[in-house]
Amino acid sequence: QVQLVESGGGLVQAGGSLRLSCVASGIMFSINVMGWYRQTPGGQRELVADITGRGATNYADSVKGRFTISRDNAKNTVYLQMNSLRPEDTAVYYCTVMALRPLPWGQGTQVIVSS
């Protein structure tokens, strides 16, 4: 059974930074594409970034140049470094295993960016 545990969210001022972490279990982590999604109240979940097992990355246009996704296969952990945060980045952030259907979700981690 896949388990995903996100952490690292919090309250930050605009322009600040946060680093999110997600520990995955129940999968062969190193071969799986991992992704970060976010969801605003009343909004749909949107893909923020994903990363292949070998480290190839993909980003939503809204976060390019500000966010960096990375992973440590030895620790079964995927990270999201978020810099130059904006109020519109406020959301609950979730990681997932991109190849699985339905996409599995953890509890998420809340990010609030104040202006």
Protein backbone atom coordinates (compact mmCIF):
# COMPACT_ATOMS: atom_id res chain seq x y z
CA GLN A 1 0.00 0.00 0.00
CA VAL A 2 1.36 3.38 -1.02
CA GLN A 3 1.87 5.88 1.78
CA LEU A 4 2.87 9.51 1.23
CA VAL A 5 3.75 11.88 4.07
CA GLU A 6 4.24 15.55 3.21
CA SER A 7 5.82 18.14 5.50
CA GLY A 8 7.47 21.54 5.49
CA GLY A 9 4.57 23.87 4.89
CA GLY A 10 3.87 26.98 6.90
CA LEU A 11 3.23 30.69 6.89
CA VAL A 12 5.70 32.87 5.01
CA GLN A 13 5.80 36.42 3.73
CA ALA A 14 5.78 37.15 0.02
CA GLY A 15 9.28 36.80 -1.37
CA GLY A 16 10.19 34.16 1.16
CA SER A 17 11.10 30.50 0.75
CA LEU A 18 9.95 27.11 1.95
CA ARG A 19 11.16 23.58 1.34
CA LEU A 20 8.58 20.83 1.22
CA SER A 21 9.39 17.16 1.71
CA CYS A 22 7.47 14.01 0.90
CA VAL A 23 8.46 10.56 2.10
CA ALA A 24 7.01 7.69 0.11
CA SER A 25 6.66 4.04 1.06
CA GLY A 26 5.09 0.98 -0.51
CA ILE A 27 6.58 1.60 -3.95
CA MET A 28 9.84 1.10 -5.79
CA PHE A 29 10.62 4.75 -5.33
CA SER A 30 13.68 5.10 -7.54
CA ILE A 31 11.89 4.05 -10.73
CA ASN A 32 8.77 6.14 -10.25
CA VAL A 33 8.01 9.61 -11.53
CA MET A 34 7.02 11.72 -8.53
CA GLY A 35 4.95 14.85 -8.67
CA TRP A 36 3.87 17.78 -6.55
CA TYR A 37 0.33 19.13 -6.90
CA ARG A 38 -1.40 21.98 -5.12
CA GLN A 39 -5.02 22.80 -4.39
CA THR A 40 -6.58 26.09 -3.39
CA PRO A 41 -9.90 26.28 -1.52
CA GLY A 42 -12.63 25.65 -4.03
CA GLY A 43 -10.09 24.95 -6.76
CA GLN A 44 -8.90 21.89 -8.60
CA ARG A 45 -5.60 20.25 -7.90
CA GLU A 46 -3.00 21.42 -10.36
CA LEU A 47 0.34 19.89 -11.21
CA VAL A 48 3.20 22.03 -9.99
CA ALA A 49 6.21 19.92 -10.94
CA ASP A 50 7.31 16.36 -11.53
CA ILE A 51 10.59 14.48 -11.64
CA THR A 52 11.64 11.17 -13.15
CA GLY A 53 13.70 8.58 -11.35
CA ARG A 54 16.77 9.88 -13.12
CA GLY A 55 16.07 13.50 -12.28
CA ALA A 56 14.46 14.94 -15.39
CA THR A 57 12.06 17.67 -14.35
CA ASN A 58 8.95 19.42 -15.57
CA TYR A 59 7.32 22.57 -14.16
CA ALA A 60 4.08 24.47 -14.47
CA ASP A 61 4.62 27.82 -16.16
CA SER A 62 3.48 29.63 -13.03
CA VAL A 63 6.40 28.31 -10.97
CA LYS A 64 9.21 28.07 -13.49
CA GLY A 65 12.33 29.81 -12.26
CA ARG A 66 11.02 29.95 -8.67
CA PHE A 67 10.44 26.33 -7.64
CA THR A 68 12.84 23.40 -7.85
CA ILE A 69 11.84 19.76 -7.52
CA SER A 70 14.46 17.22 -6.49
CA ARG A 71 14.64 13.76 -5.01
CA ASP A 72 16.81 11.53 -2.86
CA ASN A 73 16.20 7.95 -3.95
CA ALA A 74 18.17 6.60 -0.98
CA LYS A 75 15.70 8.29 1.36
CA ASN A 76 12.54 7.69 -0.71
CA THR A 77 12.00 11.43 -0.52
CA VAL A 78 10.99 14.08 -3.01
CA TYR A 79 11.46 17.78 -2.28
CA LEU A 80 10.01 21.03 -3.52
CA GLN A 81 12.15 24.10 -2.93
CA MET A 82 9.94 27.16 -3.28
CA ASN A 83 11.57 30.57 -3.61
CA SER A 84 10.18 34.04 -4.33
CA LEU A 85 6.83 32.93 -2.99
CA ARG A 86 3.72 34.87 -3.96
CA PRO A 87 0.29 35.09 -2.31
CA GLU A 88 -1.13 33.10 -5.23
CA ASP A 89 1.09 30.16 -4.22
CA THR A 90 -1.09 29.74 -1.14
CA ALA A 91 -2.51 26.21 -1.27
CA VAL A 92 -2.32 22.76 0.18
CA TYR A 93 0.55 20.93 -1.47
CA TYR A 94 0.46 17.20 -2.14
CA CYS A 95 2.93 14.76 -3.59
CA THR A 96 1.94 11.75 -5.62
CA VAL A 97 3.19 8.83 -7.67
CA MET A 98 2.47 9.87 -11.24
CA ALA A 99 2.14 6.39 -12.75
CA LEU A 100 -0.58 5.12 -10.42
CA ARG A 101 -4.33 5.34 -11.03
CA PRO A 102 -6.04 6.67 -9.17
CA LEU A 103 -3.30 9.03 -8.04
CA PRO A 104 -2.53 8.37 -4.39
CA TRP A 105 -2.50 11.31 -1.98
CA GLY A 106 -1.11 12.02 1.42
CA GLN A 107 -2.56 14.46 3.93
CA GLY A 108 -0.89 17.40 2.23
CA THR A 109 0.98 20.33 3.74
CA GLN A 110 -0.47 23.83 3.94
CA VAL A 111 1.45 26.77 2.51
CA ILE A 112 0.22 30.28 3.26
CA VAL A 113 1.96 33.26 1.69
CA SER A 114 1.07 36.63 3.15
CA SER A 115 1.34 39.84 1.16
